[in-house]
Amino acid sequence: MRSARLGGLLTLVALLASGCASDTTAITDPPLCSSGRDGAGNGVILMAQSVPTATWVPCIESALPLGWGFHHLQAREGIARFWLDSDRDGSQAIEVRLEASCDTVGATQIPSDREGMRRLERVRQVSPTFSGERYYVFPGGCLVFVFHLAGDSPGEALALASQVVGAISRPALRAQVHHDSGGRLHLDPTRGSGQP
């Protein structure tokens, strides 16, 4: 299993190092925070490489609840995002986006449910579709939930998605890439080979 993960890591590193980072790369496997003993999934590492300033990277912490599904992940230089589908709220009901910064003008700051992150929200529409953005701002990045919810309990759906989507620290991902590659690869190659 480790050799398969190493092969995946090598492919991801090659994609970004070859200049393909300016193109969009789509992945259909969910970006899991943990794939058993193997650490975070390759999609999480690709997102970290897409936004090299981000100190936190979003990932799916657990199995999605009944009625929810992973759509796909897209990553390119400067932005990475994935979508969640809902049988009640529609296809791509929630977009989870990672960027180096985000425009929070007009959003309201509220107490954060994530340590080390400021939380802001902007509701654009309440009916017939509940839509807007939920921002988590942290050093070097911004995690955004863009929601378009048409079901009977949109607030519950947004809360559920926020609980399922976690974040993993960049140092943890850096250590994982270093370990999985036997020290041959680095999450952030420009930082030099002295850092894991």
C-alpha atoms as a PDB file:
ATOM      1  CA  MET A   1       0.000   0.000   0.000  1.00  0.00           C
ATOM      2  CA  ARG A   2       2.864   2.374   0.810  1.00  0.00           C
ATOM      3  CA  SER A   3       4.389   1.922  -2.665  1.00  0.00           C
ATOM      4  CA  ALA A   4       1.025   2.825  -4.227  1.00  0.00           C
ATOM      5  CA  ARG A   5       0.874   5.984  -2.090  1.00  0.00           C
ATOM      6  CA  LEU A   6       4.458   6.845  -3.006  1.00  0.00           C
ATOM      7  CA  GLY A   7       3.575   6.427  -6.691  1.00  0.00           C
ATOM      8  CA  GLY A   8       0.620   8.771  -6.196  1.00  0.00           C
ATOM      9  CA  LEU A   9       2.815  11.311  -4.428  1.00  0.00           C
ATOM     10  CA  LEU A  10       5.407  11.167  -7.195  1.00  0.00           C
ATOM     11  CA  THR A  11       2.681  11.762  -9.781  1.00  0.00           C
ATOM     12  CA  LEU A  12       1.298  14.756  -7.868  1.00  0.00           C
ATOM     13  CA  VAL A  13       4.734  16.267  -7.363  1.00  0.00           C
ATOM     14  CA  ALA A  14       5.537  15.737 -11.056  1.00  0.00           C
ATOM     15  CA  LEU A  15       2.284  17.412 -12.140  1.00  0.00           C
ATOM     16  CA  LEU A  16       2.966  20.527 -10.148  1.00  0.00           C
ATOM     17  CA  ALA A  17       6.702  20.662 -10.821  1.00  0.00           C
ATOM     18  CA  SER A  18       6.216  20.292 -14.577  1.00  0.00           C
ATOM     19  CA  GLY A  19       4.167  23.460 -14.871  1.00  0.00           C
ATOM     20  CA  CYS A  20       0.812  21.701 -15.022  1.00  0.00           C
ATOM     21  CA  ALA A  21      -0.110  23.644 -11.918  1.00  0.00           C
ATOM     22  CA  SER A  22      -1.493  26.424 -14.091  1.00  0.00           C
ATOM     23  CA  ASP A  23      -3.946  23.959 -15.610  1.00  0.00           C
ATOM     24  CA  THR A  24      -6.798  22.455 -13.666  1.00  0.00           C
ATOM     25  CA  THR A  25      -6.287  18.957 -12.307  1.00  0.00           C
ATOM     26  CA  ALA A  26      -9.460  17.021 -11.420  1.00  0.00           C
ATOM     27  CA  ILE A  27      -9.516  14.162  -8.935  1.00  0.00           C
ATOM     28  CA  THR A  28     -12.502  11.924  -8.274  1.00  0.00           C
ATOM     29  CA  ASP A  29     -11.213  10.334  -5.032  1.00  0.00           C
ATOM     30  CA  PRO A  30     -12.304  12.181  -1.864  1.00  0.00           C
ATOM     31  CA  PRO A  31      -9.562  14.220  -0.125  1.00  0.00           C
ATOM     32  CA  LEU A  32      -9.559  12.244   3.114  1.00  0.00           C
ATOM     33  CA  CYS A  33      -7.886  13.607   6.240  1.00  0.00           C
ATOM     34  CA  SER A  34      -6.748  10.077   7.003  1.00  0.00           C
ATOM     35  CA  SER A  35      -6.652   6.993   4.817  1.00  0.00           C
ATOM     36  CA  GLY A  36      -6.119   4.471   7.597  1.00  0.00           C
ATOM     37  CA  ARG A  37      -2.471   4.267   8.614  1.00  0.00           C
ATOM     38  CA  ASP A  38      -1.362   6.047   5.462  1.00  0.00           C
ATOM     39  CA  GLY A  39      -2.165   9.587   6.526  1.00  0.00           C
ATOM     40  CA  ALA A  40      -3.964  12.136   4.374  1.00  0.00           C
ATOM     41  CA  GLY A  41      -5.103  11.283   0.868  1.00  0.00           C
ATOM     42  CA  ASN A  42      -3.218  12.442  -2.223  1.00  0.00           C
ATOM     43  CA  GLY A  43      -5.912  15.021  -3.000  1.00  0.00           C
ATOM     44  CA  VAL A  44      -5.124  16.809   0.260  1.00  0.00           C
ATOM     45  CA  ILE A  45      -1.444  16.962  -0.664  1.00  0.00           C
ATOM     46  CA  LEU A  46      -2.310  18.330  -4.103  1.00  0.00           C
ATOM     47  CA  MET A  47      -4.432  21.061  -2.490  1.00  0.00           C
ATOM     48  CA  ALA A  48      -1.532  21.957  -0.176  1.00  0.00           C
ATOM     49  CA  GLN A  49       0.790  22.259  -3.165  1.00  0.00           C
ATOM     50  CA  SER A  50      -1.741  24.401  -5.039  1.00  0.00           C
ATOM     51  CA  VAL A  51      -1.828  26.964  -2.224  1.00  0.00           C
ATOM     52  CA  PRO A  52       1.709  26.854  -0.779  1.00  0.00           C
ATOM     53  CA  THR A  53       1.081  29.664   1.732  1.00  0.00           C
ATOM     54  CA  ALA A  54      -1.813  27.866   3.473  1.00  0.00           C
ATOM     55  CA  THR A  55      -1.016  26.701   6.999  1.00  0.00           C
ATOM     56  CA  TRP A  56      -4.192  24.560   6.996  1.00  0.00           C
ATOM     57  CA  VAL A  57      -5.615  22.382   4.212  1.00  0.00           C
ATOM     58  CA  PRO A  58      -9.245  21.158   4.083  1.00  0.00           C
ATOM     59  CA  CYS A  59     -10.041  17.471   4.030  1.00  0.00           C
ATOM     60  CA  ILE A  60     -12.948  15.107   4.662  1.00  0.00           C
ATOM     61  CA  GLU A  61     -12.686  13.765   8.207  1.00  0.00           C
ATOM     62  CA  SER A  62     -15.134  10.905   8.117  1.00  0.00           C
ATOM     63  CA  ALA A  63     -17.588   9.043   5.963  1.00  0.00           C
ATOM     64  CA  LEU A  64     -20.142  11.380   4.478  1.00  0.00           C
ATOM     65  CA  PRO A  65     -23.606  11.081   6.003  1.00  0.00           C
ATOM     66  CA  LEU A  66     -26.412   9.284   4.211  1.00  0.00           C
ATOM     67  CA  GLY A  67     -27.631  11.376   1.298  1.00  0.00           C
ATOM     68  CA  TRP A  68     -24.297  13.170   0.778  1.00  0.00           C
ATOM     69  CA  GLY A  69     -21.571  12.352  -1.726  1.00  0.00           C
ATOM     70  CA  PHE A  70     -18.240  13.618  -2.954  1.00  0.00           C
ATOM     71  CA  HIS A  71     -18.439  15.115  -6.463  1.00  0.00           C
ATOM     72  CA  HIS A  72     -14.835  15.902  -7.470  1.00  0.00           C
ATOM     73  CA  LEU A  73     -11.765  17.975  -6.626  1.00  0.00           C
ATOM     74  CA  GLN A  74     -10.064  20.563  -8.832  1.00  0.00           C
ATOM     75  CA  ALA A  75      -6.663  22.052  -8.156  1.00  0.00           C
ATOM     76  CA  ARG A  76      -4.498  24.555  -9.950  1.00  0.00           C
ATOM     77  CA  GLU A  77      -1.915  27.086  -8.930  1.00  0.00           C
ATOM     78  CA  GLY A  78      -3.435  29.416  -6.332  1.00  0.00           C
ATOM     79  CA  ILE A  79      -6.748  27.625  -5.724  1.00  0.00           C
ATOM     80  CA  ALA A  80      -8.050  24.186  -4.846  1.00  0.00           C
ATOM     81  CA  ARG A  81     -11.667  23.171  -4.342  1.00  0.00           C
ATOM     82  CA  PHE A  82     -13.997  20.247  -4.063  1.00  0.00           C
ATOM     83  CA  TRP A  83     -17.762  19.802  -4.101  1.00  0.00           C
ATOM     84  CA  LEU A  84     -20.265  17.837  -2.056  1.00  0.00           C
ATOM     85  CA  ASP A  85     -23.549  16.611  -3.518  1.00  0.00           C
ATOM     86  CA  SER A  86     -26.752  16.174  -1.547  1.00  0.00           C
ATOM     87  CA  ASP A  87     -29.836  14.158  -2.417  1.00  0.00           C
ATOM     88  CA  ARG A  88     -31.956  16.939  -0.847  1.00  0.00           C
ATOM     89  CA  ASP A  89     -29.976  20.041  -1.755  1.00  0.00           C
ATOM     90  CA  GLY A  90     -28.747  19.087  -5.217  1.00  0.00           C
ATOM     91  CA  SER A  91     -25.550  18.433  -7.107  1.00  0.00           C
ATOM     92  CA  GLN A  92     -22.545  20.482  -5.939  1.00  0.00           C
ATOM     93  CA  ALA A  93     -24.628  21.914  -3.107  1.00  0.00           C
ATOM     94  CA  ILE A  94     -21.486  22.858  -1.198  1.00  0.00           C
ATOM     95  CA  GLU A  95     -18.161  23.941  -2.622  1.00  0.00           C
ATOM     96  CA  VAL A  96     -15.154  23.787  -0.284  1.00  0.00           C
ATOM     97  CA  ARG A  97     -12.445  26.138  -1.530  1.00  0.00           C
ATOM     98  CA  LEU A  98      -8.863  26.814  -0.399  1.00  0.00           C
ATOM     99  CA  GLU A  99      -7.207  30.074  -1.447  1.00  0.00           C
ATOM    100  CA  ALA A 100      -4.283  32.181  -0.257  1.00  0.00           C
ATOM    101  CA  SER A 101      -6.737  34.974   0.614  1.00  0.00           C
ATOM    102  CA  CYS A 102     -10.388  35.795   0.135  1.00  0.00           C
ATOM    103  CA  ASP A 103     -12.622  38.833  -0.108  1.00  0.00           C
ATOM    104  CA  THR A 104     -14.725  38.943   3.055  1.00  0.00           C
ATOM    105  CA  VAL A 105     -16.147  42.448   2.491  1.00  0.00           C
ATOM    106  CA  GLY A 106     -19.765  42.427   3.627  1.00  0.00           C
ATOM    107  CA  ALA A 107     -19.360  39.253   5.682  1.00  0.00           C
ATOM    108  CA  THR A 108     -20.111  39.219   9.393  1.00  0.00           C
ATOM    109  CA  GLN A 109     -17.581  37.867  11.876  1.00  0.00           C
ATOM    110  CA  ILE A 110     -19.011  35.350  14.325  1.00  0.00           C
ATOM    111  CA  PRO A 111     -17.407  33.181  17.014  1.00  0.00           C
ATOM    112  CA  SER A 112     -15.280  30.524  15.371  1.00  0.00           C
ATOM    113  CA  ASP A 113     -15.739  26.803  15.865  1.00  0.00           C
ATOM    114  CA  ARG A 114     -12.170  26.129  14.634  1.00  0.00           C
ATOM    115  CA  GLU A 115      -9.134  26.928  16.726  1.00  0.00           C
ATOM    116  CA  GLY A 116      -6.718  29.375  15.109  1.00  0.00           C
ATOM    117  CA  MET A 117      -9.211  30.473  12.436  1.00  0.00           C
ATOM    118  CA  ARG A 118     -11.434  33.550  12.211  1.00  0.00           C
ATOM    119  CA  ARG A 119     -14.954  32.770  11.011  1.00  0.00           C
ATOM    120  CA  LEU A 120     -17.106  35.061   8.900  1.00  0.00           C
ATOM    121  CA  GLU A 121     -20.392  34.477   7.102  1.00  0.00           C
ATOM    122  CA  ARG A 122     -22.259  36.120   4.272  1.00  0.00           C
ATOM    123  CA  VAL A 123     -25.814  35.031   3.469  1.00  0.00           C
ATOM    124  CA  ARG A 124     -26.800  36.116  -0.018  1.00  0.00           C
ATOM    125  CA  GLN A 125     -30.260  34.570  -0.242  1.00  0.00           C
ATOM    126  CA  VAL A 126     -32.624  32.871   2.195  1.00  0.00           C
ATOM    127  CA  SER A 127     -35.477  31.720  -0.047  1.00  0.00           C
ATOM    128  CA  PRO A 128     -36.185  29.704  -2.121  1.00  0.00           C
ATOM    129  CA  THR A 129     -32.501  28.669  -1.945  1.00  0.00           C
ATOM    130  CA  PHE A 130     -30.303  29.319   1.086  1.00  0.00           C
ATOM    131  CA  SER A 131     -27.019  30.537  -0.379  1.00  0.00           C
ATOM    132  CA  GLY A 132     -23.877  32.338   0.686  1.00  0.00           C
ATOM    133  CA  GLU A 133     -20.368  31.802   1.982  1.00  0.00           C
ATOM    134  CA  ARG A 134     -18.796  30.725   5.253  1.00  0.00           C
ATOM    135  CA  TYR A 135     -15.153  31.789   5.612  1.00  0.00           C
ATOM    136  CA  TYR A 136     -12.409  30.483   7.859  1.00  0.00           C
ATOM    137  CA  VAL A 137      -9.396  32.811   7.656  1.00  0.00           C
ATOM    138  CA  PHE A 138      -5.980  31.733   8.962  1.00  0.00           C
ATOM    139  CA  PRO A 139      -2.312  32.590   8.344  1.00  0.00           C
ATOM    140  CA  GLY A 140      -1.525  32.168   4.655  1.00  0.00           C
ATOM    141  CA  GLY A 141      -4.955  31.047   3.562  1.00  0.00           C
ATOM    142  CA  CYS A 142      -8.703  31.051   3.578  1.00  0.00           C
ATOM    143  CA  LEU A 143     -11.104  28.103   3.647  1.00  0.00           C
ATOM    144  CA  VAL A 144     -14.468  28.952   2.092  1.00  0.00           C
ATOM    145  CA  PHE A 145     -17.719  26.993   2.117  1.00  0.00           C
ATOM    146  CA  VAL A 146     -19.868  28.247  -0.771  1.00  0.00           C
ATOM    147  CA  PHE A 147     -23.375  26.906  -0.279  1.00  0.00           C
ATOM    148  CA  HIS A 148     -26.526  26.665  -2.412  1.00  0.00           C
ATOM    149  CA  LEU A 149     -28.994  24.647  -0.368  1.00  0.00           C
ATOM    150  CA  ALA A 150     -32.526  23.964  -1.571  1.00  0.00           C
ATOM    151  CA  GLY A 151     -33.643  21.324   0.940  1.00  0.00           C
ATOM    152  CA  ASP A 152     -36.025  21.656   3.881  1.00  0.00           C
ATOM    153  CA  SER A 153     -33.261  22.116   6.499  1.00  0.00           C
ATOM    154  CA  PRO A 154     -30.497  24.208   4.913  1.00  0.00           C
ATOM    155  CA  GLY A 155     -28.964  25.314   8.222  1.00  0.00           C
ATOM    156  CA  GLU A 156     -28.666  21.695   9.308  1.00  0.00           C
ATOM    157  CA  ALA A 157     -27.077  20.742   5.971  1.00  0.00           C
ATOM    158  CA  LEU A 158     -24.473  23.509   6.254  1.00  0.00           C
ATOM    159  CA  ALA A 159     -23.655  22.573   9.859  1.00  0.00           C
ATOM    160  CA  LEU A 160     -23.299  18.924   8.845  1.00  0.00           C
ATOM    161  CA  ALA A 161     -20.936  19.786   5.983  1.00  0.00           C
ATOM    162  CA  SER A 162     -18.858  21.983   8.288  1.00  0.00           C
ATOM    163  CA  GLN A 163     -18.505  19.086  10.734  1.00  0.00           C
ATOM    164  CA  VAL A 164     -17.505  16.562   8.064  1.00  0.00           C
ATOM    165  CA  VAL A 165     -14.900  18.851   6.489  1.00  0.00           C
ATOM    166  CA  GLY A 166     -11.878  19.230   8.712  1.00  0.00           C
ATOM    167  CA  ALA A 167      -8.428  20.690   8.190  1.00  0.00           C
ATOM    168  CA  ILE A 168      -4.952  19.259   8.506  1.00  0.00           C
ATOM    169  CA  SER A 169      -1.882  21.340   9.266  1.00  0.00           C
ATOM    170  CA  ARG A 170       0.803  21.958   6.671  1.00  0.00           C
ATOM    171  CA  PRO A 171       3.574  20.673   9.003  1.00  0.00           C
ATOM    172  CA  ALA A 172       1.703  17.350   9.342  1.00  0.00           C
ATOM    173  CA  LEU A 173       1.427  17.041   5.543  1.00  0.00           C
ATOM    174  CA  ARG A 174       5.077  18.030   5.125  1.00  0.00           C
ATOM    175  CA  ALA A 175       6.111  15.297   7.553  1.00  0.00           C
ATOM    176  CA  GLN A 176       3.887  12.741   5.788  1.00  0.00           C
ATOM    177  CA  VAL A 177       5.376  13.434   2.337  1.00  0.00           C
ATOM    178  CA  HIS A 178       8.900  13.264   3.774  1.00  0.00           C
ATOM    179  CA  HIS A 179       8.150   9.971   5.549  1.00  0.00           C
ATOM    180  CA  ASP A 180       6.251   8.306   2.678  1.00  0.00           C
ATOM    181  CA  SER A 181       9.012   9.108   0.207  1.00  0.00           C
ATOM    182  CA  GLY A 182      11.853   8.074   2.490  1.00  0.00           C
ATOM    183  CA  GLY A 183      13.063  11.682   2.499  1.00  0.00           C
ATOM    184  CA  ARG A 184      13.236  11.939  -1.304  1.00  0.00           C
ATOM    185  CA  LEU A 185      10.264  14.288  -1.739  1.00  0.00           C
ATOM    186  CA  HIS A 186       9.242  17.508  -0.035  1.00  0.00           C
ATOM    187  CA  LEU A 187       5.790  19.082   0.099  1.00  0.00           C
ATOM    188  CA  ASP A 188       7.396  22.482  -0.318  1.00  0.00           C
ATOM    189  CA  PRO A 189      10.556  21.895  -2.379  1.00  0.00           C
ATOM    190  CA  THR A 190      11.467  25.597  -2.482  1.00  0.00           C
ATOM    191  CA  ARG A 191      11.826  25.605   1.294  1.00  0.00           C
ATOM    192  CA  GLY A 192      14.952  23.508   0.859  1.00  0.00           C
ATOM    193  CA  SER A 193      15.781  19.955   1.640  1.00  0.00           C
ATOM    194  CA  GLY A 194      16.548  20.729   5.266  1.00  0.00           C
ATOM    195  CA  GLN A 195      12.852  20.753   6.218  1.00  0.00           C
ATOM    196  CA  PRO A 196      10.748  17.586   6.284  1.00  0.00           C
END
